[in-house]
């Protein structure tokens, strides 16, 4: 494996499990120093142990929706590394219910984490970004295709997807690229928590590739977008969904 990220500094929010942890593992394997965040100290400690990266891993406990926590995060990165080369704004939560069941409290919770958290993660880290840095935002396939009971969740992902376009335009003159990934059905703890066993079985036939995705599938895409191999890719959304959005499965 080529070391595309030798001596690069990468921040992955929500890096304790699933796509975030897989991305941290991938970038670490390719030479990066990684900074991961999470709200739960036990899960954060477990992630650090699993990554086994020694002093190339910095774990920061904090809430992506808390500006005070983001200030502490950026201060720690500044003190430890002095810069960032990659930001993967990955922290987020799932929320699925009919629109009539969405409470104000749930609306505020999901918007705070999925939109406010992403927005201010980027705002707070821009001053640390090096020349030719890359930002990748975790969006979702649901912004491309309607899904029942996903109005709130999809709205948050559409919002951060729009940031891909607007921030690419704003930060491009500084040499900073901004792209997003839109995962489909990915086998993570969040996926398993959100769907019943019956629902999980029902979604596989919708995927042209005939399987659910893995966190590593998405990590591969994030690593590409964050690398110099994607130096002329900017303001784009990469859908990693096995064909869920683009094609309808059928018999050969």
Protein backbone atom coordinates (compact mmCIF):
# COMPACT_ATOMS: atom_id res chain seq x y z
CA UNK A 1 0.00 0.00 0.00
CA UNK A 2 1.31 3.43 -0.90
CA UNK A 3 1.73 5.88 1.94
CA UNK A 4 -0.38 8.75 0.63
CA UNK A 5 -0.62 10.34 4.06
CA UNK A 6 2.93 10.17 5.38
CA UNK A 7 3.28 12.84 8.07
CA UNK A 8 -0.19 14.25 7.30
CA UNK A 9 -2.41 15.26 10.21
CA UNK A 10 -6.02 14.09 9.93
CA UNK A 11 -9.00 14.88 12.14
CA UNK A 12 -11.94 12.44 12.18
CA UNK A 13 -14.94 13.48 14.25
CA UNK A 14 -17.08 10.62 15.52
CA UNK A 15 -14.08 8.35 15.22
CA UNK A 16 -14.93 5.75 17.85
CA UNK A 17 -16.86 3.31 15.65
CA UNK A 18 -18.22 2.57 12.19
CA UNK A 19 -17.16 4.77 9.30
CA UNK A 20 -15.13 7.14 11.48
CA UNK A 21 -13.07 4.37 13.07
CA UNK A 22 -12.55 2.62 9.72
CA UNK A 23 -11.32 5.89 8.20
CA UNK A 24 -8.96 6.51 11.11
CA UNK A 25 -7.59 2.99 10.66
CA UNK A 26 -7.12 3.50 6.91
CA UNK A 27 -5.36 6.86 7.18
CA UNK A 28 -3.18 5.59 10.03
CA UNK A 29 -2.13 2.61 7.88
CA UNK A 30 -1.11 5.04 5.15
CA UNK A 31 1.17 7.07 7.37
CA UNK A 32 -1.08 9.72 8.89
CA UNK A 33 -1.21 11.04 12.42
CA UNK A 34 -4.89 10.90 13.35
CA UNK A 35 -7.01 12.82 15.81
CA UNK A 36 -10.32 11.19 16.70
CA UNK A 37 -13.21 12.53 18.71
CA UNK A 38 -16.15 10.98 20.52
CA UNK A 39 -18.57 11.76 23.31
CA UNK A 40 -18.13 8.52 25.25
CA UNK A 41 -14.77 8.09 26.99
CA UNK A 42 -15.10 4.31 27.24
CA UNK A 43 -15.66 3.97 23.49
CA UNK A 44 -12.90 6.49 22.83
CA UNK A 45 -10.43 4.49 24.90
CA UNK A 46 -11.48 1.28 23.14
CA UNK A 47 -10.97 2.91 19.74
CA UNK A 48 -7.47 4.07 20.69
CA UNK A 49 -6.59 0.55 21.83
CA UNK A 50 -7.96 -0.96 18.61
CA UNK A 51 -6.09 1.51 16.40
CA UNK A 52 -2.85 0.73 18.24
CA UNK A 53 -1.11 3.72 16.67
CA UNK A 54 0.94 4.84 19.63
CA UNK A 55 1.75 8.53 19.61
CA UNK A 56 0.30 8.87 16.10
CA UNK A 57 -3.20 8.78 17.64
CA UNK A 58 -4.68 11.64 19.66
CA UNK A 59 -8.14 11.05 21.18
CA UNK A 60 -10.26 13.99 22.31
CA UNK A 61 -13.48 13.54 24.23
CA UNK A 62 -16.10 16.05 23.16
CA UNK A 63 -19.43 16.83 21.55
CA UNK A 64 -19.31 18.06 17.95
CA UNK A 65 -22.27 20.34 18.68
CA UNK A 66 -20.48 22.08 21.56
CA UNK A 67 -18.44 25.08 20.51
CA UNK A 68 -16.52 24.94 23.78
CA UNK A 69 -15.53 21.34 23.04
CA UNK A 70 -14.53 22.30 19.49
CA UNK A 71 -12.38 25.12 20.85
CA UNK A 72 -10.67 22.65 23.18
CA UNK A 73 -10.17 20.25 20.26
CA UNK A 74 -8.57 22.82 18.00
CA UNK A 75 -6.36 24.07 20.82
CA UNK A 76 -5.15 20.50 21.45
CA UNK A 77 -4.44 19.95 17.74
CA UNK A 78 -2.59 23.27 17.55
CA UNK A 79 -0.51 22.34 20.57
CA UNK A 80 0.24 18.79 19.38
CA UNK A 81 0.66 19.24 15.62
CA UNK A 82 0.35 22.90 14.71
CA UNK A 83 -1.79 22.18 11.65
CA UNK A 84 -4.32 19.92 9.96
CA UNK A 85 -4.12 18.45 6.46
CA UNK A 86 -7.39 16.48 6.44
CA UNK A 87 -10.72 17.01 8.18
CA UNK A 88 -13.38 14.32 7.97
CA UNK A 89 -16.55 15.84 9.43
CA UNK A 90 -18.18 12.53 10.20
CA UNK A 91 -19.94 12.85 13.58
CA UNK A 92 -23.69 12.45 13.24
CA UNK A 93 -26.79 10.68 14.49
CA UNK A 94 -29.67 8.85 12.83
CA UNK A 95 -33.32 9.72 13.39
CA UNK A 96 -36.20 8.09 11.54
CA UNK A 97 -39.89 8.73 12.22
CA UNK A 98 -42.94 10.02 10.32
CA UNK A 99 -42.99 13.79 10.10
CA UNK A 100 -45.97 13.93 12.45
CA UNK A 101 -43.94 12.25 15.18
CA UNK A 102 -40.97 14.61 15.08
CA UNK A 103 -40.83 16.63 18.30
CA UNK A 104 -39.16 19.99 18.69
CA UNK A 105 -36.66 18.42 21.06
CA UNK A 106 -35.72 15.75 18.52
CA UNK A 107 -35.52 18.34 15.74
CA UNK A 108 -33.12 20.45 17.81
CA UNK A 109 -31.02 17.43 18.85
CA UNK A 110 -30.51 16.12 15.32
CA UNK A 111 -29.95 19.56 13.78
CA UNK A 112 -27.44 20.40 16.52
CA UNK A 113 -25.31 17.33 15.88
CA UNK A 114 -25.71 16.79 12.14
CA UNK A 115 -25.70 20.40 10.93
CA UNK A 116 -24.40 22.71 13.64
CA UNK A 117 -21.69 20.21 14.54
CA UNK A 118 -20.43 19.89 10.97
CA UNK A 119 -20.63 23.64 10.30
CA UNK A 120 -18.66 24.66 13.37
CA UNK A 121 -16.19 21.77 13.12
CA UNK A 122 -15.18 23.20 9.76
CA UNK A 123 -15.31 26.82 10.92
CA UNK A 124 -13.08 26.12 13.91
CA UNK A 125 -10.54 24.02 11.98
CA UNK A 126 -10.11 26.20 8.88
CA UNK A 127 -7.42 28.34 10.57
CA UNK A 128 -5.38 25.16 11.15
CA UNK A 129 -5.63 23.86 7.58
CA UNK A 130 -2.44 23.66 5.58
CA UNK A 131 -1.99 24.50 1.93
CA UNK A 132 -3.72 21.91 -0.28
CA UNK A 133 -5.73 20.56 2.66
CA UNK A 134 -8.88 18.52 2.14
CA UNK A 135 -12.23 18.51 3.91
CA UNK A 136 -14.63 15.60 3.51
CA UNK A 137 -18.19 15.78 4.86
CA UNK A 138 -20.26 12.68 5.62
CA UNK A 139 -23.66 13.15 3.96
CA UNK A 140 -26.08 10.36 2.95
CA UNK A 141 -27.77 8.70 0.00
CA UNK A 142 -31.08 9.94 1.42
CA UNK A 143 -30.41 13.41 0.07
CA UNK A 144 -30.59 11.93 -3.45
CA UNK A 145 -33.69 9.76 -3.09
CA UNK A 146 -36.76 10.07 -0.89
CA UNK A 147 -37.06 7.67 2.02
CA UNK A 148 -40.22 7.45 4.14
CA UNK A 149 -39.84 8.53 7.77
CA UNK A 150 -36.52 10.23 7.00
CA UNK A 151 -37.60 13.86 6.59
CA UNK A 152 -35.57 15.20 9.51
CA UNK A 153 -32.47 13.08 8.92
CA UNK A 154 -32.47 13.74 5.18
CA UNK A 155 -32.87 17.48 5.70
CA UNK A 156 -29.75 17.56 7.87
CA UNK A 157 -27.77 15.66 5.25
CA UNK A 158 -29.01 17.92 2.46
CA UNK A 159 -27.83 20.89 4.51
CA UNK A 160 -24.29 19.59 4.98
CA UNK A 161 -24.18 18.49 1.35
CA UNK A 162 -24.87 22.09 0.37
CA UNK A 163 -21.87 23.10 2.47
CA UNK A 164 -19.78 21.01 0.09
CA UNK A 165 -20.65 23.36 -2.77
CA UNK A 166 -20.56 26.64 -0.89
CA UNK A 167 -17.40 25.94 1.07
CA UNK A 168 -15.62 24.60 -2.01
CA UNK A 169 -16.31 27.98 -3.61
CA UNK A 170 -15.28 29.92 -0.50
CA UNK A 171 -12.18 27.94 0.44
CA UNK A 172 -10.97 27.03 -3.05
CA UNK A 173 -8.90 30.20 -3.43
CA UNK A 174 -7.00 29.13 -0.29
CA UNK A 175 -6.15 25.79 -1.90
CA UNK A 176 -8.59 23.85 0.30
CA UNK A 177 -10.81 21.25 -1.37
CA UNK A 178 -14.23 20.33 0.04
CA UNK A 179 -16.09 17.18 -0.98
CA UNK A 180 -18.69 14.90 0.56
CA UNK A 181 -19.49 11.21 0.62
CA UNK A 182 -23.02 9.82 0.58
CA UNK A 183 -23.00 6.29 2.00
CA UNK A 184 -25.88 3.94 1.25
CA UNK A 185 -26.83 1.05 3.52
CA UNK A 186 -23.62 0.52 5.49
CA UNK A 187 -23.29 -2.12 8.18
CA UNK A 188 -22.47 -0.07 11.25
CA UNK A 189 -23.79 0.04 14.80
CA UNK A 190 -25.95 3.01 13.80
CA UNK A 191 -27.46 1.03 10.91
CA UNK A 192 -28.26 -1.92 13.14
CA UNK A 193 -29.78 0.32 15.79
CA UNK A 194 -31.99 2.13 13.26
CA UNK A 195 -33.49 -0.90 11.48
CA UNK A 196 -35.23 -4.06 12.62
CA UNK A 197 -33.95 -7.44 11.41
CA UNK A 198 -36.89 -7.62 9.00
CA UNK A 199 -36.09 -4.17 7.60
CA UNK A 200 -32.42 -5.08 7.16
CA UNK A 201 -33.34 -8.17 5.14
CA UNK A 202 -35.69 -6.11 2.99
CA UNK A 203 -33.14 -3.50 1.92
CA UNK A 204 -30.53 -5.83 0.44
CA UNK A 205 -32.63 -6.63 -2.68
CA UNK A 206 -32.78 -2.87 -3.37
CA UNK A 207 -29.01 -2.74 -3.86
CA UNK A 208 -27.72 -3.58 -7.33
CA UNK A 209 -24.45 -4.90 -5.91
CA UNK A 210 -26.45 -7.43 -3.89
CA UNK A 211 -24.93 -6.65 -0.51
CA UNK A 212 -24.78 -4.11 2.26
CA UNK A 213 -21.78 -1.82 2.32
CA UNK A 214 -19.03 -1.90 4.90
CA UNK A 215 -17.37 0.91 6.81
CA UNK A 216 -14.18 0.11 4.91
CA UNK A 217 -15.99 0.77 1.61
CA UNK A 218 -16.64 4.32 2.75
CA UNK A 219 -13.20 4.74 4.31
CA UNK A 220 -11.64 3.92 0.94
CA UNK A 221 -13.65 6.71 -0.68
CA UNK A 222 -12.81 9.22 2.05
CA UNK A 223 -9.11 8.38 1.73
CA UNK A 224 -9.27 8.97 -2.03
CA UNK A 225 -11.00 12.34 -1.67
CA UNK A 226 -8.57 13.41 1.03
CA UNK A 227 -5.51 12.42 -1.00
CA UNK A 228 -3.62 14.22 -3.76
CA UNK A 229 -5.02 11.65 -6.18
CA UNK A 230 -8.20 13.74 -5.97
CA UNK A 231 -6.41 17.08 -6.31
CA UNK A 232 -8.78 18.16 -9.10
CA UNK A 233 -11.95 16.90 -7.42
CA UNK A 234 -13.72 19.72 -5.62
CA UNK A 235 -17.28 20.50 -4.58
CA UNK A 236 -18.43 16.98 -5.42
CA UNK A 237 -20.49 14.29 -3.70
CA UNK A 238 -19.34 10.68 -4.05
CA UNK A 239 -22.17 8.19 -3.57
CA UNK A 240 -21.02 4.88 -2.06
CA UNK A 241 -24.19 2.82 -2.17
CA UNK A 242 -23.73 -0.22 -4.40
CA UNK A 243 -26.01 1.37 -7.00
CA UNK A 244 -28.96 1.98 -4.66
CA UNK A 245 -29.69 5.47 -6.00
CA UNK A 246 -28.74 5.05 -9.64
CA UNK A 247 -30.16 1.68 -10.68
CA UNK A 248 -33.02 -0.74 -10.10
CA UNK A 249 -32.00 -4.39 -9.60
CA UNK A 250 -33.40 -6.84 -12.14
CA UNK A 251 -32.87 -10.33 -13.47
CA UNK A 252 -30.11 -10.74 -16.05
